[in-house]
Amino acid sequence: MSVIYLLISVSIAVAIGFFIAFIKAVKSGQYDDDYTPSVRMLFDDELKQSPDKQLNTKPKKQI
């Protein structure tokens, strides 16, 4: 039974260590994305379609 207490305490200590490392990484700007906004502006026109410029894929029937 004492082994379970030892394993639980060690796993909690490791989890706290990883959590502290994660918080430090977030605060230091490790996860800031500087690349995507510059690329997003290049593909911005392709993603947006105005309602008056809809693409008609079906050919119109002639009578």
PDB file of N, CA and C in Angstrom:
ATOM      1  N   MET A   1       0.822  -1.196   0.000  1.00  0.00           N
ATOM      2  CA  MET A   1       0.000   0.000   0.000  1.00  0.00           C
ATOM      3  C   MET A   1       0.868   1.263   0.000  1.00  0.00           C
ATOM      4  N   SER A   2       2.020   1.175   0.609  1.00  0.00           N
ATOM      5  CA  SER A   2       2.888   2.341   0.656  1.00  0.00           C
ATOM      6  C   SER A   2       3.466   2.663  -0.724  1.00  0.00           C
ATOM      7  N   VAL A   3       3.557   1.670  -1.600  1.00  0.00           N
ATOM      8  CA  VAL A   3       4.048   1.910  -2.962  1.00  0.00           C
ATOM      9  C   VAL A   3       3.055   2.776  -3.730  1.00  0.00           C
ATOM     10  N   ILE A   4       1.777   2.564  -3.512  1.00  0.00           N
ATOM     11  CA  ILE A   4       0.756   3.368  -4.192  1.00  0.00           C
ATOM     12  C   ILE A   4       0.874   4.827  -3.772  1.00  0.00           C
ATOM     13  N   TYR A   5       1.070   5.073  -2.490  1.00  0.00           N
ATOM     14  CA  TYR A   5       1.234   6.450  -2.010  1.00  0.00           C
ATOM     15  C   TYR A   5       2.485   7.086  -2.620  1.00  0.00           C
ATOM     16  N   LEU A   6       3.535   6.322  -2.745  1.00  0.00           N
ATOM     17  CA  LEU A   6       4.767   6.819  -3.347  1.00  0.00           C
ATOM     18  C   LEU A   6       4.549   7.151  -4.822  1.00  0.00           C
ATOM     19  N   LEU A   7       3.900   6.264  -5.553  1.00  0.00           N
ATOM     20  CA  LEU A   7       3.652   6.499  -6.980  1.00  0.00           C
ATOM     21  C   LEU A   7       2.728   7.692  -7.206  1.00  0.00           C
ATOM     22  N   ILE A   8       1.712   7.828  -6.380  1.00  0.00           N
ATOM     23  CA  ILE A   8       0.796   8.960  -6.520  1.00  0.00           C
ATOM     24  C   ILE A   8       1.513  10.265  -6.236  1.00  0.00           C
ATOM     25  N   SER A   9       2.332  10.298  -5.202  1.00  0.00           N
ATOM     26  CA  SER A   9       3.040  11.539  -4.872  1.00  0.00           C
ATOM     27  C   SER A   9       4.069  11.891  -5.946  1.00  0.00           C
ATOM     28  N   VAL A  10       4.756  10.896  -6.501  1.00  0.00           N
ATOM     29  CA  VAL A  10       5.720  11.160  -7.574  1.00  0.00           C
ATOM     30  C   VAL A  10       5.001  11.640  -8.835  1.00  0.00           C
ATOM     31  N   SER A  11       3.868  11.035  -9.170  1.00  0.00           N
ATOM     32  CA  SER A  11       3.136  11.449 -10.372  1.00  0.00           C
ATOM     33  C   SER A  11       2.567  12.859 -10.210  1.00  0.00           C
ATOM     34  N   ILE A  12       2.137  13.221  -9.011  1.00  0.00           N
ATOM     35  CA  ILE A  12       1.652  14.580  -8.781  1.00  0.00           C
ATOM     36  C   ILE A  12       2.798  15.574  -8.894  1.00  0.00           C
ATOM     37  N   ALA A  13       3.966  15.225  -8.391  1.00  0.00           N
ATOM     38  CA  ALA A  13       5.130  16.106  -8.491  1.00  0.00           C
ATOM     39  C   ALA A  13       5.542  16.301  -9.947  1.00  0.00           C
ATOM     40  N   VAL A  14       5.513  15.247 -10.739  1.00  0.00           N
ATOM     41  CA  VAL A  14       5.844  15.349 -12.169  1.00  0.00           C
ATOM     42  C   VAL A  14       4.806  16.200 -12.896  1.00  0.00           C
ATOM     43  N   ALA A  15       3.525  16.001 -12.569  1.00  0.00           N
ATOM     44  CA  ALA A  15       2.462  16.784 -13.204  1.00  0.00           C
ATOM     45  C   ALA A  15       2.603  18.261 -12.867  1.00  0.00           C
ATOM     46  N   ILE A  16       2.937  18.584 -11.630  1.00  0.00           N
ATOM     47  CA  ILE A  16       3.136  19.973 -11.241  1.00  0.00           C
ATOM     48  C   ILE A  16       4.345  20.560 -11.980  1.00  0.00           C
ATOM     49  N   GLY A  17       5.389  19.762 -12.145  1.00  0.00           N
ATOM     50  CA  GLY A  17       6.557  20.222 -12.893  1.00  0.00           C
ATOM     51  C   GLY A  17       6.225  20.545 -14.334  1.00  0.00           C
ATOM     52  N   PHE A  18       5.463  19.680 -14.987  1.00  0.00           N
ATOM     53  CA  PHE A  18       5.050  19.939 -16.365  1.00  0.00           C
ATOM     54  C   PHE A  18       4.134  21.153 -16.451  1.00  0.00           C
ATOM     55  N   PHE A  19       3.272  21.335 -15.477  1.00  0.00           N
ATOM     56  CA  PHE A  19       2.373  22.482 -15.471  1.00  0.00           C
ATOM     57  C   PHE A  19       3.157  23.784 -15.318  1.00  0.00           C
ATOM     58  N   ILE A  20       4.149  23.795 -14.459  1.00  0.00           N
ATOM     59  CA  ILE A  20       4.984  24.988 -14.278  1.00  0.00           C
ATOM     60  C   ILE A  20       5.765  25.284 -15.555  1.00  0.00           C
ATOM     61  N   ALA A  21       6.283  24.240 -16.197  1.00  0.00           N
ATOM     62  CA  ALA A  21       7.008  24.439 -17.455  1.00  0.00           C
ATOM     63  C   ALA A  21       6.086  24.987 -18.542  1.00  0.00           C
ATOM     64  N   PHE A  22       4.854  24.519 -18.577  1.00  0.00           N
ATOM     65  CA  PHE A  22       3.879  25.015 -19.551  1.00  0.00           C
ATOM     66  C   PHE A  22       3.552  26.480 -19.300  1.00  0.00           C
ATOM     67  N   ILE A  23       3.339  26.852 -18.056  1.00  0.00           N
ATOM     68  CA  ILE A  23       3.021  28.242 -17.721  1.00  0.00           C
ATOM     69  C   ILE A  23       4.185  29.161 -18.094  1.00  0.00           C
ATOM     70  N   LYS A  24       5.420  28.727 -17.818  1.00  0.00           N
ATOM     71  CA  LYS A  24       6.584  29.537 -18.185  1.00  0.00           C
ATOM     72  C   LYS A  24       6.702  29.681 -19.701  1.00  0.00           C
ATOM     73  N   ALA A  25       6.401  28.627 -20.439  1.00  0.00           N
ATOM     74  CA  ALA A  25       6.469  28.686 -21.900  1.00  0.00           C
ATOM     75  C   ALA A  25       5.421  29.638 -22.460  1.00  0.00           C
ATOM     76  N   VAL A  26       4.231  29.634 -21.893  1.00  0.00           N
ATOM     77  CA  VAL A  26       3.178  30.528 -22.367  1.00  0.00           C
ATOM     78  C   VAL A  26       3.528  31.977 -22.051  1.00  0.00           C
ATOM     79  N   LYS A  27       4.048  32.227 -20.865  1.00  0.00           N
ATOM     80  CA  LYS A  27       4.394  33.598 -20.482  1.00  0.00           C
ATOM     81  C   LYS A  27       5.587  34.138 -21.261  1.00  0.00           C
ATOM     82  N   SER A  28       6.481  33.273 -21.692  1.00  0.00           N
ATOM     83  CA  SER A  28       7.650  33.741 -22.446  1.00  0.00           C
ATOM     84  C   SER A  28       7.352  33.915 -23.933  1.00  0.00           C
ATOM     85  N   GLY A  29       6.135  33.580 -24.371  1.00  0.00           N
ATOM     86  CA  GLY A  29       5.756  33.790 -25.767  1.00  0.00           C
ATOM     87  C   GLY A  29       6.103  32.628 -26.669  1.00  0.00           C
ATOM     88  N   GLN A  30       6.289  31.453 -26.119  1.00  0.00           N
ATOM     89  CA  GLN A  30       6.654  30.285 -26.913  1.00  0.00           C
ATOM     90  C   GLN A  30       5.555  29.924 -27.911  1.00  0.00           C
ATOM     91  N   TYR A  31       4.306  30.166 -27.561  1.00  0.00           N
ATOM     92  CA  TYR A  31       3.194  29.759 -28.419  1.00  0.00           C
ATOM     93  C   TYR A  31       2.634  30.911 -29.240  1.00  0.00           C
ATOM     94  N   ASP A  32       3.303  32.059 -29.270  1.00  0.00           N
ATOM     95  CA  ASP A  32       2.858  33.160 -30.115  1.00  0.00           C
ATOM     96  C   ASP A  32       3.131  32.812 -31.571  1.00  0.00           C
ATOM     97  N   ASP A  33       2.151  33.046 -32.409  1.00  0.00           N
ATOM     98  CA  ASP A  33       2.264  32.697 -33.820  1.00  0.00           C
ATOM     99  C   ASP A  33       2.490  33.974 -34.623  1.00  0.00           C
ATOM    100  N   ASP A  34       3.708  34.156 -35.095  1.00  0.00           N
ATOM    101  CA  ASP A  34       4.032  35.331 -35.882  1.00  0.00           C
ATOM    102  C   ASP A  34       3.949  35.064 -37.383  1.00  0.00           C
ATOM    103  N   TYR A  35       3.900  33.833 -37.780  1.00  0.00           N
ATOM    104  CA  TYR A  35       3.962  33.491 -39.200  1.00  0.00           C
ATOM    105  C   TYR A  35       2.576  33.476 -39.855  1.00  0.00           C
ATOM    106  N   THR A  36       1.588  32.926 -39.183  1.00  0.00           N
ATOM    107  CA  THR A  36       0.271  32.734 -39.788  1.00  0.00           C
ATOM    108  C   THR A  36      -0.415  34.037 -40.194  1.00  0.00           C
ATOM    109  N   PRO A  37      -0.396  35.113 -39.388  1.00  0.00           N
ATOM    110  CA  PRO A  37      -1.064  36.336 -39.858  1.00  0.00           C
ATOM    111  C   PRO A  37      -0.477  36.895 -41.146  1.00  0.00           C
ATOM    112  N   SER A  38       0.816  36.750 -41.353  1.00  0.00           N
ATOM    113  CA  SER A  38       1.401  37.266 -42.593  1.00  0.00           C
ATOM    114  C   SER A  38       1.003  36.423 -43.793  1.00  0.00           C
ATOM    115  N   VAL A  39       0.784  35.154 -43.609  1.00  0.00           N
ATOM    116  CA  VAL A  39       0.378  34.286 -44.709  1.00  0.00           C
ATOM    117  C   VAL A  39      -1.128  34.385 -44.930  1.00  0.00           C
ATOM    118  N   ARG A  40      -1.877  34.619 -43.869  1.00  0.00           N
ATOM    119  CA  ARG A  40      -3.332  34.691 -43.972  1.00  0.00           C
ATOM    120  C   ARG A  40      -3.765  35.824 -44.893  1.00  0.00           C
ATOM    121  N   MET A  41      -3.041  36.926 -44.887  1.00  0.00           N
ATOM    122  CA  MET A  41      -3.426  38.049 -45.749  1.00  0.00           C
ATOM    123  C   MET A  41      -3.234  37.719 -47.225  1.00  0.00           C
ATOM    124  N   LEU A  42      -2.375  36.758 -47.546  1.00  0.00           N
ATOM    125  CA  LEU A  42      -2.189  36.374 -48.945  1.00  0.00           C
ATOM    126  C   LEU A  42      -3.366  35.560 -49.467  1.00  0.00           C
ATOM    127  N   PHE A  43      -3.987  34.770 -48.598  1.00  0.00           N
ATOM    128  CA  PHE A  43      -5.090  33.910 -49.008  1.00  0.00           C
ATOM    129  C   PHE A  43      -6.438  34.461 -48.595  1.00  0.00           C
ATOM    130  N   ASP A  44      -6.496  35.687 -48.129  1.00  0.00           N
ATOM    131  CA  ASP A  44      -7.728  36.267 -47.632  1.00  0.00           C
ATOM    132  C   ASP A  44      -8.754  36.451 -48.738  1.00  0.00           C
ATOM    133  N   ASP A  45      -8.326  36.836 -49.932  1.00  0.00           N
ATOM    134  CA  ASP A  45      -9.263  37.060 -51.029  1.00  0.00           C
ATOM    135  C   ASP A  45      -9.906  35.773 -51.511  1.00  0.00           C
ATOM    136  N   GLU A  46      -9.208  34.675 -51.422  1.00  0.00           N
ATOM    137  CA  GLU A  46      -9.748  33.408 -51.888  1.00  0.00           C
ATOM    138  C   GLU A  46     -10.825  32.868 -50.953  1.00  0.00           C
ATOM    139  N   LEU A  47     -10.761  33.207 -49.685  1.00  0.00           N
ATOM    140  CA  LEU A  47     -11.716  32.681 -48.723  1.00  0.00           C
ATOM    141  C   LEU A  47     -13.022  33.461 -48.700  1.00  0.00           C
ATOM    142  N   LYS A  48     -12.976  34.741 -48.998  1.00  0.00           N
ATOM    143  CA  LYS A  48     -14.164  35.572 -48.937  1.00  0.00           C
ATOM    144  C   LYS A  48     -14.809  35.675 -50.314  1.00  0.00           C
ATOM    145  N   GLN A  49     -16.135  35.541 -50.326  1.00  0.00           N
ATOM    146  CA  GLN A  49     -16.890  35.756 -51.553  1.00  0.00           C
ATOM    147  C   GLN A  49     -18.032  36.706 -51.222  1.00  0.00           C
ATOM    148  N   SER A  50     -18.160  37.736 -51.988  1.00  0.00           N
ATOM    149  CA  SER A  50     -19.270  38.646 -51.771  1.00  0.00           C
ATOM    150  C   SER A  50     -20.529  38.037 -52.394  1.00  0.00           C
ATOM    151  N   PRO A  51     -21.695  38.358 -51.858  1.00  0.00           N
ATOM    152  CA  PRO A  51     -22.928  37.742 -52.380  1.00  0.00           C
ATOM    153  C   PRO A  51     -23.260  38.149 -53.810  1.00  0.00           C
ATOM    154  N   ASP A  52     -22.792  39.310 -54.262  1.00  0.00           N
ATOM    155  CA  ASP A  52     -23.112  39.720 -55.626  1.00  0.00           C
ATOM    156  C   ASP A  52     -22.191  39.066 -56.657  1.00  0.00           C
ATOM    157  N   LYS A  53     -21.115  38.435 -56.211  1.00  0.00           N
ATOM    158  CA  LYS A  53     -20.190  37.764 -57.136  1.00  0.00           C
ATOM    159  C   LYS A  53     -20.184  36.261 -56.906  1.00  0.00           C
ATOM    160  N   GLN A  54     -21.359  35.667 -56.912  1.00  0.00           N
ATOM    161  CA  GLN A  54     -21.444  34.228 -56.722  1.00  0.00           C
ATOM    162  C   GLN A  54     -21.097  33.520 -58.021  1.00  0.00           C
ATOM    163  N   LEU A  55     -20.490  32.366 -57.860  1.00  0.00           N
ATOM    164  CA  LEU A  55     -20.102  31.589 -59.025  1.00  0.00           C
ATOM    165  C   LEU A  55     -21.258  30.697 -59.460  1.00  0.00           C
ATOM    166  N   ASN A  56     -21.616  30.756 -60.717  1.00  0.00           N
ATOM    167  CA  ASN A  56     -22.641  29.873 -61.258  1.00  0.00           C
ATOM    168  C   ASN A  56     -21.943  28.729 -61.972  1.00  0.00           C
ATOM    169  N   THR A  57     -22.077  27.534 -61.451  1.00  0.00           N
ATOM    170  CA  THR A  57     -21.423  26.388 -62.065  1.00  0.00           C
ATOM    171  C   THR A  57     -22.315  25.703 -63.089  1.00  0.00           C
ATOM    172  N   LYS A  58     -23.627  25.933 -63.010  1.00  0.00           N
ATOM    173  CA  LYS A  58     -24.530  25.298 -63.957  1.00  0.00           C
ATOM    174  C   LYS A  58     -24.709  26.199 -65.186  1.00  0.00           C
ATOM    175  N   PRO A  59     -24.575  25.620 -66.362  1.00  0.00           N
ATOM    176  CA  PRO A  59     -24.808  26.435 -67.558  1.00  0.00           C
ATOM    177  C   PRO A  59     -26.296  26.741 -67.712  1.00  0.00           C
ATOM    178  N   LYS A  60     -26.587  27.910 -68.228  1.00  0.00           N
ATOM    179  CA  LYS A  60     -27.983  28.301 -68.422  1.00  0.00           C
ATOM    180  C   LYS A  60     -28.544  27.598 -69.651  1.00  0.00           C
ATOM    181  N   LYS A  61     -29.799  27.170 -69.545  1.00  0.00           N
ATOM    182  CA  LYS A  61     -30.441  26.495 -70.648  1.00  0.00           C
ATOM    183  C   LYS A  61     -30.976  27.509 -71.642  1.00  0.00           C
ATOM    184  N   GLN A  62     -30.757  27.195 -72.887  1.00  0.00           N
ATOM    185  CA  GLN A  62     -31.303  28.072 -73.928  1.00  0.00           C
ATOM    186  C   GLN A  62     -32.554  27.442 -74.504  1.00  0.00           C
ATOM    187  N   ILE A  63     -33.530  28.283 -74.818  1.00  0.00           N
ATOM    188  CA  ILE A  63     -34.804  27.779 -75.324  1.00  0.00           C
ATOM    189  C   ILE A  63     -34.857  27.952 -76.812  1.00  0.00           C
TER     190      ILE A  63
END
